[in-house]
N, C-alpha and C. Protein backbone atom coordinates (compact mmCIF):
# COMPACT_ATOMS: atom_id res chain seq x y z
N UNK A 1 67.27 27.01 5.06
CA UNK A 1 66.18 27.98 6.03
C UNK A 1 64.86 28.28 5.16
N UNK A 2 65.20 28.58 4.18
CA UNK A 2 64.15 28.60 2.94
C UNK A 2 62.71 27.63 2.64
N UNK A 3 63.59 26.39 3.15
CA UNK A 3 62.73 25.40 2.85
C UNK A 3 61.64 25.30 3.77
N UNK A 4 61.84 25.79 5.40
CA UNK A 4 60.50 25.48 5.95
C UNK A 4 59.10 26.55 5.84
N UNK A 5 60.06 27.57 5.69
CA UNK A 5 58.71 28.99 5.67
C UNK A 5 57.66 28.12 3.71
N UNK A 6 58.43 28.02 2.73
CA UNK A 6 58.01 27.44 2.29
C UNK A 6 56.60 26.35 1.95
N UNK A 7 57.11 25.28 2.97
CA UNK A 7 56.64 23.98 3.14
C UNK A 7 55.38 24.67 4.64
N UNK A 8 55.88 24.99 5.46
CA UNK A 8 54.35 25.73 6.28
C UNK A 8 53.05 26.55 5.29
N UNK A 9 53.97 27.56 4.31
CA UNK A 9 53.12 28.10 3.69
C UNK A 9 52.29 27.38 2.96
N UNK A 10 52.97 26.05 2.25
CA UNK A 10 52.36 25.43 1.36
C UNK A 10 51.23 24.19 2.30
N UNK A 11 51.57 24.43 3.32
CA UNK A 11 50.82 23.31 4.17
C UNK A 11 49.25 24.06 5.00
N UNK A 12 49.81 25.13 4.92
CA UNK A 12 48.05 26.14 5.56
C UNK A 12 47.65 26.61 3.72
N UNK A 13 48.27 26.36 3.28
CA UNK A 13 47.50 27.03 2.14
C UNK A 13 46.82 26.23 1.65
N UNK A 14 46.90 24.93 1.70
CA UNK A 14 46.59 23.25 1.45
C UNK A 14 45.51 23.45 2.04
N UNK A 15 45.25 23.49 3.27
CA UNK A 15 44.27 23.23 4.29
C UNK A 15 43.38 24.26 4.39
N UNK A 16 43.49 25.64 4.03
CA UNK A 16 42.49 26.67 3.94
C UNK A 16 42.23 27.14 2.71
N UNK A 17 42.54 27.00 1.84
CA UNK A 17 41.74 27.27 0.28
C UNK A 17 41.06 26.43 -0.31
N UNK A 18 41.18 25.31 -0.15
CA UNK A 18 40.01 24.67 -0.99
C UNK A 18 38.42 25.35 -0.29
N UNK A 19 38.38 25.42 0.75
CA UNK A 19 36.68 25.42 1.22
C UNK A 19 37.10 26.83 2.34
N UNK A 20 37.88 27.13 2.15
CA UNK A 20 38.03 28.65 3.44
C UNK A 20 37.02 28.37 5.01
N UNK A 21 37.15 26.93 4.82
CA UNK A 21 36.83 27.07 6.37
C UNK A 21 35.22 26.11 6.42
N UNK A 22 34.86 26.13 5.41
CA UNK A 22 33.50 25.44 4.93
C UNK A 22 33.57 24.33 4.39
N UNK A 23 32.17 23.83 4.88
CA UNK A 23 32.09 21.77 4.88
C UNK A 23 32.23 21.83 3.39
N UNK A 24 32.90 20.80 2.95
CA UNK A 24 32.99 20.13 1.44
C UNK A 24 31.21 20.45 0.95
N UNK A 25 31.11 20.98 -0.48
CA UNK A 25 29.40 20.45 -0.89
C UNK A 25 29.31 19.30 -0.95
N UNK A 26 28.09 18.38 -0.89
CA UNK A 26 27.82 16.89 -0.73
C UNK A 26 27.56 17.09 -2.04
N UNK A 27 28.21 16.18 -2.40
CA UNK A 27 28.01 14.95 -3.68
C UNK A 27 26.90 14.31 -4.17
N UNK A 28 26.91 13.73 -5.51
CA UNK A 28 25.80 13.49 -5.83
C UNK A 28 26.00 11.60 -5.27
N UNK A 29 27.26 11.44 -4.95
CA UNK A 29 26.82 9.82 -4.53
C UNK A 29 26.48 10.18 -2.94
N UNK A 30 26.80 11.29 -2.07
CA UNK A 30 26.60 11.45 -0.88
C UNK A 30 24.42 11.23 -0.46
N UNK A 31 24.27 11.90 -2.01
CA UNK A 31 22.71 11.81 -2.00
C UNK A 31 21.99 11.09 -2.85
N UNK A 32 21.17 9.80 -2.65
CA UNK A 32 20.76 9.19 -3.94
C UNK A 32 19.73 10.01 -4.71
N UNK A 33 19.72 9.44 -6.20
CA UNK A 33 19.12 10.10 -7.21
C UNK A 33 17.76 10.25 -6.95
N UNK A 34 16.32 10.69 -7.34
CA UNK A 34 15.11 10.59 -7.08
C UNK A 34 15.04 9.33 -7.68
N UNK A 35 15.49 8.37 -8.52
CA UNK A 35 15.00 7.66 -9.32
C UNK A 35 14.57 6.46 -7.78
N UNK A 36 15.85 6.39 -6.74
CA UNK A 36 16.48 5.11 -6.05
C UNK A 36 15.23 5.95 -4.36
N UNK A 37 15.59 7.25 -4.48
CA UNK A 37 14.33 7.37 -3.48
C UNK A 37 13.04 7.35 -4.02
N UNK A 38 12.67 7.30 -5.21
CA UNK A 38 11.16 6.69 -5.42
C UNK A 38 11.31 5.03 -5.44
N UNK A 39 11.64 4.71 -5.66
CA UNK A 39 12.04 3.24 -5.50
C UNK A 39 12.02 2.87 -4.09
N UNK A 40 12.79 3.29 -3.50
CA UNK A 40 12.85 3.52 -1.85
C UNK A 40 11.60 3.40 -1.02
N UNK A 41 10.75 4.60 -1.81
CA UNK A 41 9.39 5.03 -0.93
C UNK A 41 8.69 3.72 -1.43
N UNK A 42 8.77 3.23 -2.95
CA UNK A 42 7.30 2.55 -3.18
C UNK A 42 7.64 1.31 -2.19
N UNK A 43 9.06 0.88 -2.36
CA UNK A 43 8.97 -0.85 -1.97
C UNK A 43 9.06 -0.57 -0.33
N UNK A 44 8.49 0.76 0.44
CA UNK A 44 8.55 0.52 1.57
C UNK A 44 6.97 0.27 1.95
N UNK A 45 6.24 0.98 0.90
CA UNK A 45 4.88 0.97 1.36
C UNK A 45 4.30 -0.19 0.64
N UNK A 46 4.82 -1.13 -0.42
CA UNK A 46 4.42 -2.32 -0.57
C UNK A 46 4.88 -3.48 0.62
N UNK A 47 6.12 -3.37 0.99
CA UNK A 47 6.57 -3.85 2.39
C UNK A 47 5.51 -3.60 3.74
N UNK A 48 5.47 -2.48 4.02
CA UNK A 48 3.92 -2.06 4.52
C UNK A 48 2.74 -2.71 4.70
N UNK A 49 2.32 -2.96 3.53
CA UNK A 49 1.25 -3.91 2.61
C UNK A 49 1.09 -5.03 2.88
N UNK A 50 2.14 -5.77 3.16
CA UNK A 50 2.74 -7.14 3.16
C UNK A 50 2.35 -7.29 4.88
N UNK A 51 3.01 -6.57 5.76
CA UNK A 51 2.42 -6.97 7.34
C UNK A 51 1.39 -6.84 7.23
N UNK A 52 0.45 -5.58 6.65
CA UNK A 52 -0.98 -5.38 7.08
C UNK A 52 -1.59 -6.54 6.00
N UNK A 53 -1.42 -7.16 5.19
CA UNK A 53 -1.98 -8.42 4.74
C UNK A 53 -1.81 -9.64 5.66
N UNK A 54 -0.93 -9.50 6.57
CA UNK A 54 -0.63 -10.93 7.30
C UNK A 54 -1.50 -10.66 8.40
N UNK A 55 -1.79 -9.23 8.95
CA UNK A 55 -2.24 -9.52 10.04
C UNK A 55 -4.06 -9.27 9.76
N UNK A 56 -4.43 -9.02 8.36
CA UNK A 56 -5.74 -9.61 8.02
C UNK A 56 -5.72 -10.83 7.73
N UNK A 57 -4.91 -11.41 7.17
CA UNK A 57 -5.15 -12.77 6.90
C UNK A 57 -5.45 -13.80 8.14
N UNK A 58 -4.96 -13.42 9.24
CA UNK A 58 -5.33 -14.29 10.77
C UNK A 58 -6.25 -14.54 11.44
N UNK A 59 -7.30 -14.26 10.85
CA UNK A 59 -8.31 -14.62 10.87
C UNK A 59 -8.43 -15.91 11.23
N UNK A 60 -9.50 -16.72 11.94
CA UNK A 60 -9.43 -18.04 12.08
C UNK A 60 -10.14 -18.77 11.14
N UNK A 61 -9.85 -19.95 10.83
CA UNK A 61 -10.63 -20.80 9.28
C UNK A 61 -12.10 -20.80 10.27
N UNK A 62 -13.16 -20.30 9.08
CA UNK A 62 -14.49 -20.62 9.36
C UNK A 62 -15.07 -19.32 10.19
N UNK A 63 -14.46 -18.45 9.88
CA UNK A 63 -14.58 -17.20 9.77
C UNK A 63 -16.16 -16.49 9.73
N UNK A 64 -17.16 -16.44 10.29
CA UNK A 64 -18.52 -15.95 9.55
C UNK A 64 -18.22 -14.66 8.71
N UNK A 65 -19.11 -13.99 7.75
CA UNK A 65 -19.27 -13.09 6.90
C UNK A 65 -18.47 -11.58 7.81
N UNK A 66 -19.10 -11.53 8.85
CA UNK A 66 -18.85 -10.11 10.10
C UNK A 66 -17.48 -10.17 10.59
N UNK A 67 -17.18 -11.62 10.84
CA UNK A 67 -15.77 -11.61 11.01
C UNK A 67 -14.68 -11.17 10.05
N UNK A 68 -14.80 -11.47 8.97
CA UNK A 68 -14.19 -11.05 7.57
C UNK A 68 -14.37 -9.95 7.36
N UNK A 69 -15.12 -9.18 7.28
CA UNK A 69 -15.51 -7.79 7.03
C UNK A 69 -14.76 -7.25 7.69
N UNK A 70 -14.63 -7.52 9.73
CA UNK A 70 -14.09 -6.66 10.21
C UNK A 70 -12.55 -6.51 9.70
N UNK A 71 -11.82 -7.68 10.06
CA UNK A 71 -10.56 -7.73 9.77
C UNK A 71 -10.24 -7.33 8.39
N UNK A 72 -11.39 -7.35 7.16
CA UNK A 72 -10.56 -6.64 5.91
C UNK A 72 -11.00 -5.03 6.16
N UNK A 73 -12.18 -4.64 7.47
CA UNK A 73 -12.18 -2.73 7.78
C UNK A 73 -10.88 -2.65 8.09
N UNK A 74 -10.39 -3.15 9.20
CA UNK A 74 -9.56 -2.52 10.21
C UNK A 74 -8.12 -2.92 9.04
N UNK A 75 -7.69 -3.48 8.37
CA UNK A 75 -7.11 -3.00 6.85
C UNK A 75 -7.45 -2.31 6.01
N UNK A 76 -8.28 -2.04 5.83
CA UNK A 76 -9.04 -0.41 4.83
C UNK A 76 -8.60 0.30 5.74
N UNK A 77 -8.82 0.41 6.95
CA UNK A 77 -8.04 1.79 7.97
C UNK A 77 -6.72 1.87 7.96
N UNK A 78 -6.07 0.36 8.11
CA UNK A 78 -4.75 0.52 8.20
C UNK A 78 -4.08 1.20 6.73
N UNK A 79 -4.30 0.74 5.81
CA UNK A 79 -4.11 1.20 4.45
C UNK A 79 -4.67 2.39 4.36
N UNK A 80 -5.53 2.71 4.65
CA UNK A 80 -5.52 4.61 4.37
C UNK A 80 -5.05 5.55 5.07
N UNK A 81 -4.25 4.75 6.45
CA UNK A 81 -3.46 5.49 7.43
C UNK A 81 -1.77 5.64 6.56
N UNK A 82 -1.59 4.51 5.98
CA UNK A 82 -0.19 4.40 5.36
C UNK A 82 0.37 6.00 4.31
N UNK A 83 1.64 5.63 5.12
CA UNK A 83 2.17 7.21 4.28
C UNK A 83 2.40 7.23 3.41
N UNK A 84 1.86 7.15 2.24
CA UNK A 84 2.48 7.43 0.63
C UNK A 84 2.88 8.86 0.33
N UNK A 85 3.47 9.72 1.33
CA UNK A 85 3.45 10.88 0.57
C UNK A 85 4.62 10.92 -0.22
N UNK A 86 5.72 10.32 0.07
CA UNK A 86 6.84 10.50 -0.50
C UNK A 86 7.18 9.60 -1.39
N UNK A 87 5.77 8.64 -2.34
CA UNK A 87 6.16 7.53 -3.60
C UNK A 87 5.26 8.97 -4.72
N UNK A 88 5.53 8.68 -5.99
CA UNK A 88 5.27 9.15 -6.58
C UNK A 88 3.90 9.63 -7.22
N UNK A 89 3.32 10.18 -7.77
CA UNK A 89 1.96 10.44 -8.19
C UNK A 89 1.05 9.10 -8.50
N UNK A 90 1.94 8.50 -9.48
CA UNK A 90 0.91 7.14 -9.99
C UNK A 90 1.00 6.29 -9.19
N UNK A 91 1.81 5.72 -8.34
CA UNK A 91 1.57 5.01 -7.25
C UNK A 91 0.71 5.32 -6.27
N UNK A 92 0.48 6.55 -5.67
CA UNK A 92 -0.54 6.86 -5.10
C UNK A 92 -1.63 6.98 -4.83
N UNK A 93 -1.79 7.42 -6.71
CA UNK A 93 -3.46 6.93 -7.53
C UNK A 93 -3.57 5.39 -7.47
N UNK A 94 -2.48 4.34 -7.87
CA UNK A 94 -2.92 3.15 -7.93
C UNK A 94 -3.12 2.71 -6.53
N UNK A 95 -2.35 2.87 -5.62
CA UNK A 95 -2.66 2.65 -3.91
C UNK A 95 -4.06 3.20 -3.27
N UNK A 96 -4.10 4.06 -3.71
CA UNK A 96 -5.80 4.48 -3.44
C UNK A 96 -6.86 4.23 -4.28
N UNK A 97 -6.86 3.64 -5.33
CA UNK A 97 -7.72 2.75 -5.85
C UNK A 97 -7.72 1.22 -5.10
N UNK A 98 -6.58 0.57 -5.42
CA UNK A 98 -6.74 -0.45 -4.66
C UNK A 98 -7.31 -0.54 -2.97
N UNK A 99 -7.16 0.72 -2.50
CA UNK A 99 -7.45 0.68 -0.97
C UNK A 99 -9.02 0.52 -1.26
N UNK A 100 -9.49 1.54 -2.58
CA UNK A 100 -11.18 1.63 -2.43
C UNK A 100 -11.50 0.38 -2.67
N UNK A 101 -10.78 -0.96 -3.40
CA UNK A 101 -11.21 -2.04 -4.13
C UNK A 101 -11.82 -2.81 -2.71
N UNK A 102 -10.49 -3.11 -1.80
CA UNK A 102 -10.82 -3.33 -0.19
C UNK A 102 -12.14 -3.05 0.68
N UNK A 103 -12.22 -1.54 0.32
CA UNK A 103 -13.70 -1.11 1.10
C UNK A 103 -14.44 -1.68 0.41
N UNK A 104 -14.73 -1.59 -0.85
CA UNK A 104 -15.98 -1.82 -1.79
C UNK A 104 -16.38 -3.68 -1.31
N UNK A 105 -15.01 -4.70 -1.37
CA UNK A 105 -14.89 -5.98 -0.79
C UNK A 105 -15.74 -5.93 0.38
N UNK A 106 -14.96 -5.11 1.79
CA UNK A 106 -15.86 -5.23 2.54
C UNK A 106 -17.11 -5.42 2.97
N UNK A 107 -17.75 -4.02 2.11
CA UNK A 107 -19.18 -4.06 2.23
C UNK A 107 -20.07 -4.99 1.68
N UNK A 108 -19.13 -5.91 0.43
CA UNK A 108 -20.21 -7.05 -0.20
C UNK A 108 -20.13 -7.72 0.58
N UNK A 109 -18.81 -8.46 1.49
CA UNK A 109 -18.91 -9.13 2.78
C UNK A 109 -19.66 -9.17 3.32
N UNK A 110 -19.64 -7.81 3.91
CA UNK A 110 -20.65 -7.80 4.86
C UNK A 110 -22.39 -7.76 4.53
N UNK A 111 -22.54 -7.69 3.26
CA UNK A 111 -24.19 -8.39 3.06
C UNK A 111 -24.18 -9.67 3.12
N UNK A 112 -23.32 -11.12 3.26
CA UNK A 112 -23.51 -12.20 3.17
C UNK A 112 -24.11 -12.74 4.73
N UNK A 113 -24.86 -13.68 4.55
CA UNK A 113 -25.64 -14.41 5.51
C UNK A 113 -24.75 -14.55 6.92
N UNK A 114 -24.96 -14.53 7.91
CA UNK A 114 -23.68 -15.10 8.83
C UNK A 114 -24.04 -16.58 9.03
N UNK A 115 -24.90 -17.05 8.84
CA UNK A 115 -25.65 -18.66 9.26
C UNK A 115 -26.39 -19.46 8.68
N UNK A 116 -26.67 -20.03 8.82
CA UNK A 116 -28.07 -20.65 7.84
C UNK A 116 -29.44 -20.35 8.53
N UNK A 117 -29.64 -19.63 9.45
CA UNK A 117 -31.00 -19.24 9.75
C UNK A 117 -30.55 -18.00 9.35
N UNK A 118 -30.01 -17.11 9.22
CA UNK A 118 -29.50 -15.80 8.83
C UNK A 118 -29.98 -15.77 7.31
N UNK A 119 -29.00 -16.71 6.30
CA UNK A 119 -29.57 -16.66 4.90
C UNK A 119 -30.80 -17.24 4.78
N UNK A 120 -31.39 -18.12 5.62
CA UNK A 120 -33.14 -18.38 5.46
C UNK A 120 -33.65 -17.49 5.38
N UNK A 121 -33.62 -16.34 6.32
CA UNK A 121 -34.59 -15.18 6.85
C UNK A 121 -34.77 -14.59 5.98
N UNK A 122 -32.97 -13.84 5.60
CA UNK A 122 -32.84 -12.84 4.39
C UNK A 122 -33.40 -13.34 3.19
N UNK A 123 -33.05 -14.59 2.91
CA UNK A 123 -33.32 -15.36 1.29
C UNK A 123 -34.89 -14.77 1.76
N UNK A 124 -35.81 -15.44 2.39
CA UNK A 124 -36.83 -15.53 2.15
C UNK A 124 -37.45 -13.95 2.14
N UNK A 125 -36.75 -13.15 3.35
CA UNK A 125 -37.37 -11.72 2.79
C UNK A 125 -37.24 -10.77 0.96
N UNK A 126 -35.62 -11.65 0.62
CA UNK A 126 -35.89 -11.07 -0.17
C UNK A 126 -36.73 -11.32 -1.77
N UNK A 127 -36.65 -12.70 -1.59
CA UNK A 127 -37.89 -13.46 -2.37
C UNK A 127 -39.19 -12.78 -2.45
N UNK A 128 -39.55 -12.50 -1.34
CA UNK A 128 -40.90 -11.48 -0.95
C UNK A 128 -40.53 -9.94 -1.44
N UNK A 129 -39.79 -9.37 -1.20
CA UNK A 129 -39.71 -8.12 -0.83
C UNK A 129 -38.79 -7.64 -2.81
N UNK A 130 -37.99 -8.21 -2.84
CA UNK A 130 -37.20 -7.89 -4.00
C UNK A 130 -37.62 -8.73 -5.41
N UNK A 131 -38.54 -9.57 -4.75
CA UNK A 131 -38.81 -10.80 -6.06
C UNK A 131 -37.65 -11.44 -6.81
N UNK A 132 -37.06 -11.68 -5.75
CA UNK A 132 -35.62 -12.79 -6.13
C UNK A 132 -35.99 -14.28 -5.91
N UNK A 133 -35.72 -14.84 -7.20
CA UNK A 133 -36.15 -16.09 -6.92
C UNK A 133 -35.03 -17.55 -6.19
N UNK A 134 -34.04 -16.55 -5.88
CA UNK A 134 -32.75 -17.35 -5.36
C UNK A 134 -32.92 -16.61 -4.48
N UNK A 135 -33.67 -15.72 -3.64
CA UNK A 135 -33.68 -15.34 -2.15
C UNK A 135 -32.79 -14.32 -2.65
N UNK A 136 -32.20 -13.74 -2.99
CA UNK A 136 -30.49 -12.98 -3.17
C UNK A 136 -29.46 -13.23 -3.61
N UNK A 137 -29.42 -14.63 -3.37
CA UNK A 137 -28.13 -15.44 -3.70
C UNK A 137 -27.49 -14.90 -4.54
N UNK A 138 -27.55 -14.83 -5.83
CA UNK A 138 -27.08 -14.67 -7.12
C UNK A 138 -26.82 -13.13 -7.23
N UNK A 139 -27.18 -12.27 -6.63
CA UNK A 139 -26.97 -10.61 -6.22
C UNK A 139 -25.32 -10.57 -5.21
N UNK A 140 -25.68 -11.43 -3.87
CA UNK A 140 -24.87 -11.42 -3.23
C UNK A 140 -23.60 -11.85 -3.41
N UNK A 141 -23.84 -13.23 -4.17
CA UNK A 141 -22.33 -13.82 -4.84
C UNK A 141 -21.86 -12.91 -5.80
N UNK A 142 -22.65 -11.88 -7.02
CA UNK A 142 -21.95 -11.19 -7.74
C UNK A 142 -21.51 -10.25 -7.38
N UNK A 143 -21.74 -9.62 -6.01
CA UNK A 143 -21.33 -8.60 -5.98
C UNK A 143 -20.59 -8.73 -5.32
N UNK A 144 -19.63 -9.82 -4.28
CA UNK A 144 -18.24 -10.14 -3.63
C UNK A 144 -17.82 -10.47 -4.89
N UNK A 145 -18.39 -11.42 -6.08
CA UNK A 145 -17.19 -11.59 -6.94
C UNK A 145 -16.96 -10.40 -7.42
N UNK A 146 -17.57 -9.62 -8.00
CA UNK A 146 -17.13 -8.20 -8.64
C UNK A 146 -16.27 -7.64 -7.90
N UNK A 147 -16.17 -7.73 -6.62
CA UNK A 147 -15.57 -6.51 -5.72
C UNK A 147 -14.29 -7.40 -5.52
N UNK A 148 -14.30 -8.43 -5.66
CA UNK A 148 -12.66 -9.53 -5.78
C UNK A 148 -12.57 -8.78 -6.92
N UNK A 149 -13.01 -9.42 -8.47
CA UNK A 149 -11.74 -8.96 -8.98
C UNK A 149 -11.77 -7.45 -9.21
N UNK A 150 -12.62 -6.32 -9.20
CA UNK A 150 -11.78 -5.52 -8.97
C UNK A 150 -10.59 -5.00 -7.97
N UNK A 151 -10.36 -5.98 -6.71
CA UNK A 151 -9.09 -5.99 -6.29
C UNK A 151 -8.40 -6.60 -6.54
N UNK A 152 -8.51 -7.77 -7.60
CA UNK A 152 -7.30 -8.38 -7.98
C UNK A 152 -7.19 -7.38 -9.43
N UNK A 153 -7.89 -6.86 -10.29
CA UNK A 153 -7.38 -5.68 -11.05
C UNK A 153 -6.32 -4.60 -10.94
N UNK A 154 -6.75 -3.96 -9.31
CA UNK A 154 -6.21 -2.77 -8.64
C UNK A 154 -4.55 -3.85 -8.46
N UNK A 155 -4.68 -4.58 -7.76
CA UNK A 155 -3.36 -4.90 -7.66
C UNK A 155 -2.70 -5.47 -8.17
N UNK A 156 -2.76 -6.02 -9.09
CA UNK A 156 -2.22 -6.02 -10.61
C UNK A 156 -1.61 -4.90 -11.09
N UNK A 157 -2.56 -3.48 -11.16
CA UNK A 157 -1.90 -2.58 -11.29
C UNK A 157 -0.88 -1.53 -10.31
N UNK A 158 -1.08 -1.93 -9.21
CA UNK A 158 -0.50 -1.38 -8.11
C UNK A 158 1.34 -2.40 -8.37
N UNK A 159 1.21 -3.39 -9.05
CA UNK A 159 2.22 -4.36 -9.18
C UNK A 159 2.65 -3.76 -10.51
N UNK A 160 2.46 -3.40 -10.99
CA UNK A 160 2.95 -2.61 -12.08
C UNK A 160 3.58 -1.36 -12.10
N UNK A 161 2.59 -0.62 -11.84
CA UNK A 161 3.41 0.58 -11.49
C UNK A 161 4.76 0.53 -10.66
N UNK A 162 4.44 -0.44 -9.63
CA UNK A 162 5.93 -0.59 -8.33
C UNK A 162 7.20 -1.25 -9.47
N UNK A 163 6.69 -1.86 -10.22
CA UNK A 163 7.82 -2.66 -11.32
C UNK A 163 8.34 -1.48 -11.65
N UNK A 164 7.85 -0.82 -12.31
CA UNK A 164 8.02 0.50 -13.34
C UNK A 164 9.60 1.21 -12.38
N UNK A 165 9.28 1.55 -11.32
CA UNK A 165 10.20 1.91 -10.26
C UNK A 165 11.45 0.96 -9.62
N UNK A 166 10.86 -0.36 -10.27
CA UNK A 166 12.15 -1.36 -9.48
C UNK A 166 11.96 -1.27 -8.14
N UNK A 167 10.78 -1.52 -7.93
CA UNK A 167 10.32 -1.98 -6.72
C UNK A 167 9.22 -2.93 -6.25
N UNK A 168 9.03 -3.61 -7.15
CA UNK A 168 8.29 -4.85 -7.02
C UNK A 168 9.04 -6.07 -5.71
N UNK A 169 8.02 -6.43 -5.28
CA UNK A 169 8.68 -7.63 -4.52
C UNK A 169 8.83 -9.10 -5.01
C-alpha cells in the first residue's frame, strides 16, 4: 500500500516541479541564430530583386529608349519599395548604391534619341548649341557606358556582401 502514494507523489511532483505550470523556455534550436536570420533576409531581397529584374527585362525587342527607360524606372521604383530593414547595414548600403546606379542608367537612357529623326534633330542642335562635332553622340554614349559600368560595379558589391552572409544566388 505504501507503494501507491509514493507513485502518485512522484508522478505529480514530476509534472509540476520542472516548470511550475509555465511553458518551457525557448531553446536555441527554436530561435535561429542571428547569422541565419541575416542570411535569410539577404536571400529574400536577392530573390525579390531577381523577380523584379525579370519584369524589367520583359520589354519587347526593338524597344525605344523611352520604353527602356520607363521599364528601368519602374524597376527602380520597385527596388526603392523593397523592404531591406531586416538586412544587415552593409547589405542595405550596397543595395541602396545599386538602386542609385539603376537610377543613373535610367537618366542616361532617357537622353538617347528615340529614332533617326529625333537623333538628327538633337545632333544638329548639339552641334550648333554645344559645339559638339559628333552631335553629342560621344557624350550620350559615354553617359550610358558610365552608368552601366557603375551598375556592374554596384552589382558586384551586392554579390560580395551577400556572399559574406552565405546568401549568394
